[in-house]
Amino acid sequence: MAFKSVFEIVNGVAKITLSGELDAAVAPAFRIDIEKAAAAKVKAVALVMKDLEYMASAGLRALVFAKQKMGTQVEIYMIGLQETVMETITMTGFQNSVTFLDEYEAARIEGA
């Protein structure tokens, strides 16, 4: 399945919905969304990943870049991860830098 990324800002949160396979060839497109989120000075980033089937190390590097670029004051939520994607994240210890949720919880993420 081809990679697709949909970027939107909802109540001060960058919501990025990812699907397909996030590999080295498409990681630059994902990084552009991360840069848009950083430029918008959002209060959180919500990565909706239930339809993301695979993430290569290049995708993980983009996530690390996001955390570094936005700093500790911006929470990153990873929502609905498939097991294979979760394995990629936990192999590196990055799970300690983000919050995992099964579903998008607007009240929690957006602070409504």
PDB file of N, CA and C in Angstrom:
ATOM      1  N   MET A   1       0.839  -1.182   0.000  1.00  0.00           N
ATOM      2  CA  MET A   1       0.000   0.000   0.000  1.00  0.00           C
ATOM      3  C   MET A   1       0.884   1.247   0.000  1.00  0.00           C
ATOM      4  N   ALA A   2       0.556   2.218  -0.821  1.00  0.00           N
ATOM      5  CA  ALA A   2       1.328   3.454  -0.916  1.00  0.00           C
ATOM      6  C   ALA A   2       1.148   4.302   0.341  1.00  0.00           C
ATOM      7  N   PHE A   3       2.183   5.032   0.694  1.00  0.00           N
ATOM      8  CA  PHE A   3       2.147   5.893   1.870  1.00  0.00           C
ATOM      9  C   PHE A   3       1.251   7.101   1.602  1.00  0.00           C
ATOM     10  N   LYS A   4       0.494   7.476   2.619  1.00  0.00           N
ATOM     11  CA  LYS A   4      -0.348   8.666   2.557  1.00  0.00           C
ATOM     12  C   LYS A   4      -0.294   9.356   3.903  1.00  0.00           C
ATOM     13  N   SER A   5      -0.216  10.669   3.864  1.00  0.00           N
ATOM     14  CA  SER A   5      -0.174  11.474   5.079  1.00  0.00           C
ATOM     15  C   SER A   5      -1.168  12.621   4.917  1.00  0.00           C
ATOM     16  N   VAL A   6      -2.064  12.772   5.887  1.00  0.00           N
ATOM     17  CA  VAL A   6      -3.038  13.851   5.865  1.00  0.00           C
ATOM     18  C   VAL A   6      -2.785  14.728   7.088  1.00  0.00           C
ATOM     19  N   PHE A   7      -2.494  16.009   6.835  1.00  0.00           N
ATOM     20  CA  PHE A   7      -2.146  16.961   7.890  1.00  0.00           C
ATOM     21  C   PHE A   7      -3.301  17.936   8.099  1.00  0.00           C
ATOM     22  N   GLU A   8      -3.639  18.143   9.365  1.00  0.00           N
ATOM     23  CA  GLU A   8      -4.628  19.162   9.708  1.00  0.00           C
ATOM     24  C   GLU A   8      -4.329  19.691  11.103  1.00  0.00           C
ATOM     25  N   ILE A   9      -4.785  20.892  11.381  1.00  0.00           N
ATOM     26  CA  ILE A   9      -4.651  21.439  12.726  1.00  0.00           C
ATOM     27  C   ILE A   9      -6.051  21.546  13.311  1.00  0.00           C
ATOM     28  N   VAL A  10      -6.238  20.914  14.473  1.00  0.00           N
ATOM     29  CA  VAL A  10      -7.524  20.873  15.148  1.00  0.00           C
ATOM     30  C   VAL A  10      -7.330  21.391  16.564  1.00  0.00           C
ATOM     31  N   ASN A  11      -7.909  22.529  16.868  1.00  0.00           N
ATOM     32  CA  ASN A  11      -7.835  23.105  18.223  1.00  0.00           C
ATOM     33  C   ASN A  11      -6.403  23.172  18.753  1.00  0.00           C
ATOM     34  N   GLY A  12      -5.492  23.624  17.928  1.00  0.00           N
ATOM     35  CA  GLY A  12      -4.100  23.793  18.342  1.00  0.00           C
ATOM     36  C   GLY A  12      -3.269  22.527  18.355  1.00  0.00           C
ATOM     37  N   VAL A  13      -3.824  21.453  17.796  1.00  0.00           N
ATOM     38  CA  VAL A  13      -3.122  20.168  17.726  1.00  0.00           C
ATOM     39  C   VAL A  13      -2.879  19.818  16.265  1.00  0.00           C
ATOM     40  N   ALA A  14      -1.642  19.454  15.937  1.00  0.00           N
ATOM     41  CA  ALA A  14      -1.349  18.957  14.600  1.00  0.00           C
ATOM     42  C   ALA A  14      -1.756  17.493  14.564  1.00  0.00           C
ATOM     43  N   LYS A  15      -2.755  17.206  13.771  1.00  0.00           N
ATOM     44  CA  LYS A  15      -3.244  15.830  13.626  1.00  0.00           C
ATOM     45  C   LYS A  15      -2.772  15.328  12.270  1.00  0.00           C
ATOM     46  N   ILE A  16      -1.927  14.294  12.303  1.00  0.00           N
ATOM     47  CA  ILE A  16      -1.374  13.731  11.085  1.00  0.00           C
ATOM     48  C   ILE A  16      -1.819  12.278  10.997  1.00  0.00           C
ATOM     49  N   THR A  17      -2.609  11.986   9.985  1.00  0.00           N
ATOM     50  CA  THR A  17      -3.110  10.627   9.796  1.00  0.00           C
ATOM     51  C   THR A  17      -2.238   9.946   8.752  1.00  0.00           C
ATOM     52  N   LEU A  18      -1.640   8.827   9.143  1.00  0.00           N
ATOM     53  CA  LEU A  18      -0.692   8.108   8.304  1.00  0.00           C
ATOM     54  C   LEU A  18      -1.271   6.761   7.882  1.00  0.00           C
ATOM     55  N   SER A  19      -1.005   6.386   6.627  1.00  0.00           N
ATOM     56  CA  SER A  19      -1.415   5.065   6.169  1.00  0.00           C
ATOM     57  C   SER A  19      -0.385   4.546   5.178  1.00  0.00           C
ATOM     58  N   GLY A  20      -0.380   3.239   4.994  1.00  0.00           N
ATOM     59  CA  GLY A  20       0.548   2.613   4.056  1.00  0.00           C
ATOM     60  C   GLY A  20       1.857   2.243   4.711  1.00  0.00           C
ATOM     61  N   GLU A  21       2.952   2.473   3.984  1.00  0.00           N
ATOM     62  CA  GLU A  21       4.285   2.093   4.451  1.00  0.00           C
ATOM     63  C   GLU A  21       5.189   3.318   4.477  1.00  0.00           C
ATOM     64  N   LEU A  22       5.684   3.633   5.655  1.00  0.00           N
ATOM     65  CA  LEU A  22       6.571   4.786   5.845  1.00  0.00           C
ATOM     66  C   LEU A  22       8.011   4.287   5.782  1.00  0.00           C
ATOM     67  N   ASP A  23       8.600   4.413   4.593  1.00  0.00           N
ATOM     68  CA  ASP A  23       9.977   3.947   4.400  1.00  0.00           C
ATOM     69  C   ASP A  23      10.861   5.124   3.998  1.00  0.00           C
ATOM     70  N   ALA A  24      12.094   4.850   3.650  1.00  0.00           N
ATOM     71  CA  ALA A  24      13.063   5.908   3.336  1.00  0.00           C
ATOM     72  C   ALA A  24      12.627   6.750   2.144  1.00  0.00           C
ATOM     73  N   ALA A  25      11.942   6.159   1.203  1.00  0.00           N
ATOM     74  CA  ALA A  25      11.538   6.886  -0.006  1.00  0.00           C
ATOM     75  C   ALA A  25      10.497   7.971   0.287  1.00  0.00           C
ATOM     76  N   VAL A  26       9.646   7.744   1.281  1.00  0.00           N
ATOM     77  CA  VAL A  26       8.561   8.690   1.564  1.00  0.00           C
ATOM     78  C   VAL A  26       8.754   9.457   2.870  1.00  0.00           C
ATOM     79  N   ALA A  27       9.787   9.129   3.618  1.00  0.00           N
ATOM     80  CA  ALA A  27      10.042   9.819   4.890  1.00  0.00           C
ATOM     81  C   ALA A  27      10.159  11.336   4.723  1.00  0.00           C
ATOM     82  N   PRO A  28      10.735  11.852   3.635  1.00  0.00           N
ATOM     83  CA  PRO A  28      10.785  13.313   3.477  1.00  0.00           C
ATOM     84  C   PRO A  28       9.398  13.967   3.456  1.00  0.00           C
ATOM     85  N   ALA A  29       8.405  13.296   2.892  1.00  0.00           N
ATOM     86  CA  ALA A  29       7.041  13.832   2.881  1.00  0.00           C
ATOM     87  C   ALA A  29       6.495  13.920   4.304  1.00  0.00           C
ATOM     88  N   PHE A  30       6.759  12.900   5.108  1.00  0.00           N
ATOM     89  CA  PHE A  30       6.334  12.906   6.505  1.00  0.00           C
ATOM     90  C   PHE A  30       7.051  14.022   7.274  1.00  0.00           C
ATOM     91  N   ARG A  31       8.316  14.181   6.991  1.00  0.00           N
ATOM     92  CA  ARG A  31       9.092  15.224   7.676  1.00  0.00           C
ATOM     93  C   ARG A  31       8.551  16.625   7.358  1.00  0.00           C
ATOM     94  N   ILE A  32       8.045  16.829   6.156  1.00  0.00           N
ATOM     95  CA  ILE A  32       7.434  18.109   5.803  1.00  0.00           C
ATOM     96  C   ILE A  32       6.233  18.387   6.708  1.00  0.00           C
ATOM     97  N   ASP A  33       5.420  17.366   6.961  1.00  0.00           N
ATOM     98  CA  ASP A  33       4.281  17.541   7.874  1.00  0.00           C
ATOM     99  C   ASP A  33       4.760  17.890   9.281  1.00  0.00           C
ATOM    100  N   ILE A  34       5.822  17.255   9.715  1.00  0.00           N
ATOM    101  CA  ILE A  34       6.389  17.551  11.035  1.00  0.00           C
ATOM    102  C   ILE A  34       6.871  19.003  11.087  1.00  0.00           C
ATOM    103  N   GLU A  35       7.509  19.453  10.018  1.00  0.00           N
ATOM    104  CA  GLU A  35       7.987  20.836   9.968  1.00  0.00           C
ATOM    105  C   GLU A  35       6.830  21.824   9.971  1.00  0.00           C
ATOM    106  N   LYS A  36       5.728  21.478   9.293  1.00  0.00           N
ATOM    107  CA  LYS A  36       4.535  22.341   9.313  1.00  0.00           C
ATOM    108  C   LYS A  36       3.981  22.435  10.731  1.00  0.00           C
ATOM    109  N   ALA A  37       3.967  21.328  11.428  1.00  0.00           N
ATOM    110  CA  ALA A  37       3.470  21.324  12.806  1.00  0.00           C
ATOM    111  C   ALA A  37       4.346  22.197  13.699  1.00  0.00           C
ATOM    112  N   ALA A  38       5.652  22.087  13.546  1.00  0.00           N
ATOM    113  CA  ALA A  38       6.576  22.887  14.348  1.00  0.00           C
ATOM    114  C   ALA A  38       6.409  24.375  14.037  1.00  0.00           C
ATOM    115  N   ALA A  39       6.261  24.710  12.766  1.00  0.00           N
ATOM    116  CA  ALA A  39       6.104  26.114  12.372  1.00  0.00           C
ATOM    117  C   ALA A  39       4.804  26.704  12.909  1.00  0.00           C
ATOM    118  N   ALA A  40       3.786  25.874  13.050  1.00  0.00           N
ATOM    119  CA  ALA A  40       2.494  26.335  13.553  1.00  0.00           C
ATOM    120  C   ALA A  40       2.482  26.496  15.073  1.00  0.00           C
ATOM    121  N   LYS A  41       3.560  26.074  15.715  1.00  0.00           N
ATOM    122  CA  LYS A  41       3.682  26.168  17.176  1.00  0.00           C
ATOM    123  C   LYS A  41       2.470  25.533  17.888  1.00  0.00           C
ATOM    124  N   VAL A  42       2.206  24.296  17.508  1.00  0.00           N
ATOM    125  CA  VAL A  42       1.084  23.564  18.095  1.00  0.00           C
ATOM    126  C   VAL A  42       1.403  23.135  19.517  1.00  0.00           C
ATOM    127  N   LYS A  43       0.346  22.831  20.282  1.00  0.00           N
ATOM    128  CA  LYS A  43       0.541  22.387  21.662  1.00  0.00           C
ATOM    129  C   LYS A  43       0.754  20.885  21.760  1.00  0.00           C
ATOM    130  N   ALA A  44       0.393  20.143  20.684  1.00  0.00           N
ATOM    131  CA  ALA A  44       0.580  18.691  20.666  1.00  0.00           C
ATOM    132  C   ALA A  44       0.558  18.215  19.220  1.00  0.00           C
ATOM    133  N   VAL A  45       1.106  17.021  19.026  1.00  0.00           N
ATOM    134  CA  VAL A  45       1.064  16.357  17.724  1.00  0.00           C
ATOM    135  C   VAL A  45       0.396  15.001  17.940  1.00  0.00           C
ATOM    136  N   ALA A  46      -0.651  14.739  17.160  1.00  0.00           N
ATOM    137  CA  ALA A  46      -1.352  13.460  17.236  1.00  0.00           C
ATOM    138  C   ALA A  46      -1.119  12.713  15.932  1.00  0.00           C
ATOM    139  N   LEU A  47      -0.422  11.604  16.026  1.00  0.00           N
ATOM    140  CA  LEU A  47      -0.148  10.769  14.859  1.00  0.00           C
ATOM    141  C   LEU A  47      -1.127   9.603  14.865  1.00  0.00           C
ATOM    142  N   VAL A  48      -2.093   9.664  13.981  1.00  0.00           N
ATOM    143  CA  VAL A  48      -3.097   8.604  13.884  1.00  0.00           C
ATOM    144  C   VAL A  48      -2.525   7.566  12.934  1.00  0.00           C
ATOM    145  N   MET A  49      -2.185   6.384  13.486  1.00  0.00           N
ATOM    146  CA  MET A  49      -1.376   5.409  12.763  1.00  0.00           C
ATOM    147  C   MET A  49      -2.056   4.055  12.580  1.00  0.00           C
ATOM    148  N   LYS A  50      -3.361   3.991  12.768  1.00  0.00           N
ATOM    149  CA  LYS A  50      -4.034   2.691  12.706  1.00  0.00           C
ATOM    150  C   LYS A  50      -3.925   2.028  11.335  1.00  0.00           C
ATOM    151  N   ASP A  51      -3.746   2.827  10.281  1.00  0.00           N
ATOM    152  CA  ASP A  51      -3.620   2.268   8.934  1.00  0.00           C
ATOM    153  C   ASP A  51      -2.181   2.280   8.421  1.00  0.00           C
ATOM    154  N   LEU A  52      -1.235   2.578   9.314  1.00  0.00           N
ATOM    155  CA  LEU A  52       0.179   2.526   8.944  1.00  0.00           C
ATOM    156  C   LEU A  52       0.657   1.093   9.146  1.00  0.00           C
ATOM    157  N   GLU A  53       1.034   0.441   8.066  1.00  0.00           N
ATOM    158  CA  GLU A  53       1.385  -0.979   8.110  1.00  0.00           C
ATOM    159  C   GLU A  53       2.852  -1.233   8.425  1.00  0.00           C
ATOM    160  N   TYR A  54       3.698  -0.241   8.143  1.00  0.00           N
ATOM    161  CA  TYR A  54       5.143  -0.459   8.291  1.00  0.00           C
ATOM    162  C   TYR A  54       5.820   0.884   8.499  1.00  0.00           C
ATOM    163  N   MET A  55       6.826   0.913   9.359  1.00  0.00           N
ATOM    164  CA  MET A  55       7.642   2.104   9.523  1.00  0.00           C
ATOM    165  C   MET A  55       9.100   1.696   9.563  1.00  0.00           C
ATOM    166  N   ALA A  56       9.873   2.217   8.621  1.00  0.00           N
ATOM    167  CA  ALA A  56      11.312   1.956   8.561  1.00  0.00           C
ATOM    168  C   ALA A  56      12.027   2.910   9.506  1.00  0.00           C
ATOM    169  N   SER A  57      13.318   2.701   9.662  1.00  0.00           N
ATOM    170  CA  SER A  57      14.107   3.561  10.544  1.00  0.00           C
ATOM    171  C   SER A  57      14.068   5.018  10.089  1.00  0.00           C
ATOM    172  N   ALA A  58      13.881   5.267   8.802  1.00  0.00           N
ATOM    173  CA  ALA A  58      13.784   6.651   8.310  1.00  0.00           C
ATOM    174  C   ALA A  58      12.555   7.350   8.892  1.00  0.00           C
ATOM    175  N   GLY A  59      11.476   6.627   9.046  1.00  0.00           N
ATOM    176  CA  GLY A  59      10.282   7.190   9.679  1.00  0.00           C
ATOM    177  C   GLY A  59      10.522   7.483  11.138  1.00  0.00           C
ATOM    178  N   LEU A  60      11.234   6.603  11.785  1.00  0.00           N
ATOM    179  CA  LEU A  60      11.569   6.805  13.194  1.00  0.00           C
ATOM    180  C   LEU A  60      12.469   8.029  13.361  1.00  0.00           C
ATOM    181  N   ARG A  61      13.403   8.209  12.442  1.00  0.00           N
ATOM    182  CA  ARG A  61      14.268   9.399  12.492  1.00  0.00           C
ATOM    183  C   ARG A  61      13.435  10.671  12.378  1.00  0.00           C
ATOM    184  N   ALA A  62      12.404  10.641  11.552  1.00  0.00           N
ATOM    185  CA  ALA A  62      11.531  11.809  11.423  1.00  0.00           C
ATOM    186  C   ALA A  62      10.804  12.090  12.737  1.00  0.00           C
ATOM    187  N   LEU A  63      10.431  11.045  13.453  1.00  0.00           N
ATOM    188  CA  LEU A  63       9.785  11.223  14.762  1.00  0.00           C
ATOM    189  C   LEU A  63      10.760  11.810  15.782  1.00  0.00           C
ATOM    190  N   VAL A  64      11.971  11.319  15.778  1.00  0.00           N
ATOM    191  CA  VAL A  64      12.996  11.853  16.679  1.00  0.00           C
ATOM    192  C   VAL A  64      13.240  13.321  16.357  1.00  0.00           C
ATOM    193  N   PHE A  65      13.300  13.647  15.066  1.00  0.00           N
ATOM    194  CA  PHE A  65      13.456  15.026  14.623  1.00  0.00           C
ATOM    195  C   PHE A  65      12.317  15.885  15.173  1.00  0.00           C
ATOM    196  N   ALA A  66      11.086  15.351  15.108  1.00  0.00           N
ATOM    197  CA  ALA A  66       9.927  16.091  15.600  1.00  0.00           C
ATOM    198  C   ALA A  66      10.072  16.414  17.081  1.00  0.00           C
ATOM    199  N   LYS A  67      10.443  15.417  17.843  1.00  0.00           N
ATOM    200  CA  LYS A  67      10.583  15.609  19.292  1.00  0.00           C
ATOM    201  C   LYS A  67      11.671  16.641  19.589  1.00  0.00           C
ATOM    202  N   GLN A  68      12.765  16.581  18.873  1.00  0.00           N
ATOM    203  CA  GLN A  68      13.855  17.537  19.090  1.00  0.00           C
ATOM    204  C   GLN A  68      13.449  18.937  18.661  1.00  0.00           C
ATOM    205  N   LYS A  69      12.795  19.053  17.526  1.00  0.00           N
ATOM    206  CA  LYS A  69      12.431  20.352  16.969  1.00  0.00           C
ATOM    207  C   LYS A  69      11.394  21.066  17.831  1.00  0.00           C
ATOM    208  N   MET A  70      10.443  20.314  18.374  1.00  0.00           N
ATOM    209  CA  MET A  70       9.354  20.931  19.134  1.00  0.00           C
ATOM    210  C   MET A  70       9.626  21.023  20.623  1.00  0.00           C
ATOM    211  N   GLY A  71      10.555  20.242  21.104  1.00  0.00           N
ATOM    212  CA  GLY A  71      10.900  20.314  22.517  1.00  0.00           C
ATOM    213  C   GLY A  71       9.971  19.503  23.402  1.00  0.00           C
ATOM    214  N   THR A  72      10.291  19.498  24.667  1.00  0.00           N
ATOM    215  CA  THR A  72       9.552  18.676  25.620  1.00  0.00           C
ATOM    216  C   THR A  72       8.172  19.228  25.951  1.00  0.00           C
ATOM    217  N   GLN A  73       7.930  20.506  25.655  1.00  0.00           N
ATOM    218  CA  GLN A  73       6.628  21.088  25.986  1.00  0.00           C
ATOM    219  C   GLN A  73       5.527  20.643  25.029  1.00  0.00           C
ATOM    220  N   VAL A  74       5.887  20.068  23.882  1.00  0.00           N
ATOM    221  CA  VAL A  74       4.899  19.583  22.917  1.00  0.00           C
ATOM    222  C   VAL A  74       4.799  18.071  23.041  1.00  0.00           C
ATOM    223  N   GLU A  75       3.634  17.618  23.454  1.00  0.00           N
ATOM    224  CA  GLU A  75       3.397  16.178  23.619  1.00  0.00           C
ATOM    225  C   GLU A  75       3.137  15.545  22.256  1.00  0.00           C
ATOM    226  N   ILE A  76       3.714  14.365  22.034  1.00  0.00           N
ATOM    227  CA  ILE A  76       3.453  13.609  20.823  1.00  0.00           C
ATOM    228  C   ILE A  76       2.638  12.373  21.197  1.00  0.00           C
ATOM    229  N   TYR A  77       1.463  12.256  20.571  1.00  0.00           N
ATOM    230  CA  TYR A  77       0.587  11.112  20.792  1.00  0.00           C
ATOM    231  C   TYR A  77       0.659  10.209  19.569  1.00  0.00           C
ATOM    232  N   MET A  78       0.803   8.919  19.811  1.00  0.00           N
ATOM    233  CA  MET A  78       0.783   7.922  18.741  1.00  0.00           C
ATOM    234  C   MET A  78      -0.463   7.074  18.969  1.00  0.00           C
ATOM    235  N   ILE A  79      -1.329   7.067  17.972  1.00  0.00           N
ATOM    236  CA  ILE A  79      -2.665   6.516  18.160  1.00  0.00           C
ATOM    237  C   ILE A  79      -2.905   5.323  17.249  1.00  0.00           C
ATOM    238  N   GLY A  80      -3.346   4.222  17.864  1.00  0.00           N
ATOM    239  CA  GLY A  80      -3.771   3.045  17.123  1.00  0.00           C
ATOM    240  C   GLY A  80      -2.675   2.300  16.380  1.00  0.00           C
ATOM    241  N   LEU A  81      -1.511   2.170  16.978  1.00  0.00           N
ATOM    242  CA  LEU A  81      -0.383   1.516  16.312  1.00  0.00           C
ATOM    243  C   LEU A  81      -0.623   0.031  16.086  1.00  0.00           C
ATOM    244  N   GLN A  82      -0.212  -0.432  14.916  1.00  0.00           N
ATOM    245  CA  GLN A  82      -0.189  -1.859  14.644  1.00  0.00           C
ATOM    246  C   GLN A  82       1.061  -2.439  15.314  1.00  0.00           C
ATOM    247  N   GLU A  83       1.041  -3.713  15.572  1.00  0.00           N
ATOM    248  CA  GLU A  83       2.125  -4.369  16.305  1.00  0.00           C
ATOM    249  C   GLU A  83       3.493  -4.201  15.639  1.00  0.00           C
ATOM    250  N   THR A  84       3.545  -4.293  14.318  1.00  0.00           N
ATOM    251  CA  THR A  84       4.835  -4.177  13.629  1.00  0.00           C
ATOM    252  C   THR A  84       5.433  -2.781  13.781  1.00  0.00           C
ATOM    253  N   VAL A  85       4.586  -1.769  13.771  1.00  0.00           N
ATOM    254  CA  VAL A  85       5.066  -0.394  13.958  1.00  0.00           C
ATOM    255  C   VAL A  85       5.498  -0.193  15.417  1.00  0.00           C
ATOM    256  N   MET A  86       4.742  -0.736  16.347  1.00  0.00           N
ATOM    257  CA  MET A  86       5.083  -0.633  17.765  1.00  0.00           C
ATOM    258  C   MET A  86       6.450  -1.268  18.030  1.00  0.00           C
ATOM    259  N   GLU A  87       6.734  -2.389  17.388  1.00  0.00           N
ATOM    260  CA  GLU A  87       8.033  -3.055  17.562  1.00  0.00           C
ATOM    261  C   GLU A  87       9.181  -2.144  17.132  1.00  0.00           C
ATOM    262  N   THR A  88       9.007  -1.442  16.022  1.00  0.00           N
ATOM    263  CA  THR A  88      10.040  -0.523  15.538  1.00  0.00           C
ATOM    264  C   THR A  88      10.301   0.572  16.574  1.00  0.00           C
ATOM    265  N   ILE A  89       9.254   1.066  17.178  1.00  0.00           N
ATOM    266  CA  ILE A  89       9.388   2.158  18.155  1.00  0.00           C
ATOM    267  C   ILE A  89      10.056   1.648  19.440  1.00  0.00           C
ATOM    268  N   THR A  90       9.630   0.496  19.916  1.00  0.00           N
ATOM    269  CA  THR A  90      10.157   0.003  21.196  1.00  0.00           C
ATOM    270  C   THR A  90      11.587  -0.520  21.087  1.00  0.00           C
ATOM    271  N   MET A  91      12.011  -0.936  19.906  1.00  0.00           N
ATOM    272  CA  MET A  91      13.392  -1.411  19.753  1.00  0.00           C
ATOM    273  C   MET A  91      14.397  -0.300  20.039  1.00  0.00           C
ATOM    274  N   THR A  92      13.969   0.932  19.851  1.00  0.00           N
ATOM    275  CA  THR A  92      14.882   2.061  20.001  1.00  0.00           C
ATOM    276  C   THR A  92      14.738   2.785  21.334  1.00  0.00           C
ATOM    277  N   GLY A  93      13.683   2.468  22.082  1.00  0.00           N
ATOM    278  CA  GLY A  93      13.435   3.169  23.339  1.00  0.00           C
ATOM    279  C   GLY A  93      12.642   4.451  23.159  1.00  0.00           C
ATOM    280  N   PHE A  94      12.212   4.745  21.933  1.00  0.00           N
ATOM    281  CA  PHE A  94      11.484   5.991  21.678  1.00  0.00           C
ATOM    282  C   PHE A  94      10.120   6.009  22.365  1.00  0.00           C
ATOM    283  N   GLN A  95       9.625   4.854  22.778  1.00  0.00           N
ATOM    284  CA  GLN A  95       8.327   4.800  23.444  1.00  0.00           C
ATOM    285  C   GLN A  95       8.311   5.607  24.737  1.00  0.00           C
ATOM    286  N   ASN A  96       9.492   5.899  25.286  1.00  0.00           N
ATOM    287  CA  ASN A  96       9.574   6.693  26.506  1.00  0.00           C
ATOM    288  C   ASN A  96       9.398   8.187  26.245  1.00  0.00           C
ATOM    289  N   SER A  97       9.360   8.573  24.977  1.00  0.00           N
ATOM    290  CA  SER A  97       9.263   9.988  24.609  1.00  0.00           C
ATOM    291  C   SER A  97       7.887  10.390  24.087  1.00  0.00           C
ATOM    292  N   VAL A  98       6.980   9.434  23.982  1.00  0.00           N
ATOM    293  CA  VAL A  98       5.659   9.706  23.422  1.00  0.00           C
ATOM    294  C   VAL A  98       4.585   9.071  24.303  1.00  0.00           C
ATOM    295  N   THR A  99       3.337   9.408  24.002  1.00  0.00           N
ATOM    296  CA  THR A  99       2.193   8.815  24.692  1.00  0.00           C
ATOM    297  C   THR A  99       1.404   7.989  23.687  1.00  0.00           C
ATOM    298  N   PHE A 100       1.095   6.752  24.052  1.00  0.00           N
ATOM    299  CA  PHE A 100       0.333   5.870  23.178  1.00  0.00           C
ATOM    300  C   PHE A 100      -1.137   5.866  23.589  1.00  0.00           C
ATOM    301  N   LEU A 101      -2.009   5.917  22.592  1.00  0.00           N
ATOM    302  CA  LEU A 101      -3.446   5.821  22.815  1.00  0.00           C
ATOM    303  C   LEU A 101      -4.030   4.856  21.792  1.00  0.00           C
ATOM    304  N   ASP A 102      -5.101   4.183  22.171  1.00  0.00           N
ATOM    305  CA  ASP A 102      -5.766   3.279  21.239  1.00  0.00           C
ATOM    306  C   ASP A 102      -6.627   4.045  20.243  1.00  0.00           C
ATOM    307  N   GLU A 103      -7.220   5.164  20.699  1.00  0.00           N
ATOM    308  CA  GLU A 103      -8.090   5.968  19.860  1.00  0.00           C
ATOM    309  C   GLU A 103      -7.802   7.445  20.095  1.00  0.00           C
ATOM    310  N   TYR A 104      -8.217   8.283  19.171  1.00  0.00           N
ATOM    311  CA  TYR A 104      -8.067   9.720  19.309  1.00  0.00           C
ATOM    312  C   TYR A 104      -9.024  10.202  20.395  1.00  0.00           C
ATOM    313  N   GLU A 105      -8.473  10.724  21.472  1.00  0.00           N
ATOM    314  CA  GLU A 105      -9.255  11.230  22.600  1.00  0.00           C
ATOM    315  C   GLU A 105      -9.168  12.748  22.594  1.00  0.00           C
ATOM    316  N   ALA A 106     -10.146  13.391  21.976  1.00  0.00           N
ATOM    317  CA  ALA A 106     -10.110  14.845  21.801  1.00  0.00           C
ATOM    318  C   ALA A 106      -9.965  15.585  23.133  1.00  0.00           C
ATOM    319  N   ALA A 107     -10.697  15.171  24.144  1.00  0.00           N
ATOM    320  CA  ALA A 107     -10.651  15.867  25.423  1.00  0.00           C
ATOM    321  C   ALA A 107      -9.233  15.830  26.021  1.00  0.00           C
ATOM    322  N   ARG A 108      -8.572  14.722  25.880  1.00  0.00           N
ATOM    323  CA  ARG A 108      -7.217  14.581  26.431  1.00  0.00           C
ATOM    324  C   ARG A 108      -6.177  15.292  25.567  1.00  0.00           C
ATOM    325  N   ILE A 109      -6.251  15.107  24.274  1.00  0.00           N
ATOM    326  CA  ILE A 109      -5.234  15.638  23.370  1.00  0.00           C
ATOM    327  C   ILE A 109      -5.387  17.133  23.150  1.00  0.00           C
ATOM    328  N   GLU A 110      -6.616  17.557  22.923  1.00  0.00           N
ATOM    329  CA  GLU A 110      -6.869  18.965  22.617  1.00  0.00           C
ATOM    330  C   GLU A 110      -7.073  19.802  23.872  1.00  0.00           C
ATOM    331  N   GLY A 111      -7.253  19.123  25.004  1.00  0.00           N
ATOM    332  CA  GLY A 111      -7.457  19.843  26.254  1.00  0.00           C
ATOM    333  C   GLY A 111      -8.806  20.543  26.324  1.00  0.00           C
ATOM    334  N   ALA A 112      -9.784  19.958  25.627  1.00  0.00           N
ATOM    335  CA  ALA A 112     -11.126  20.567  25.575  1.00  0.00           C
ATOM    336  C   ALA A 112     -11.863  20.404  26.878  1.00  0.00           C
TER     337      ALA A 112
END
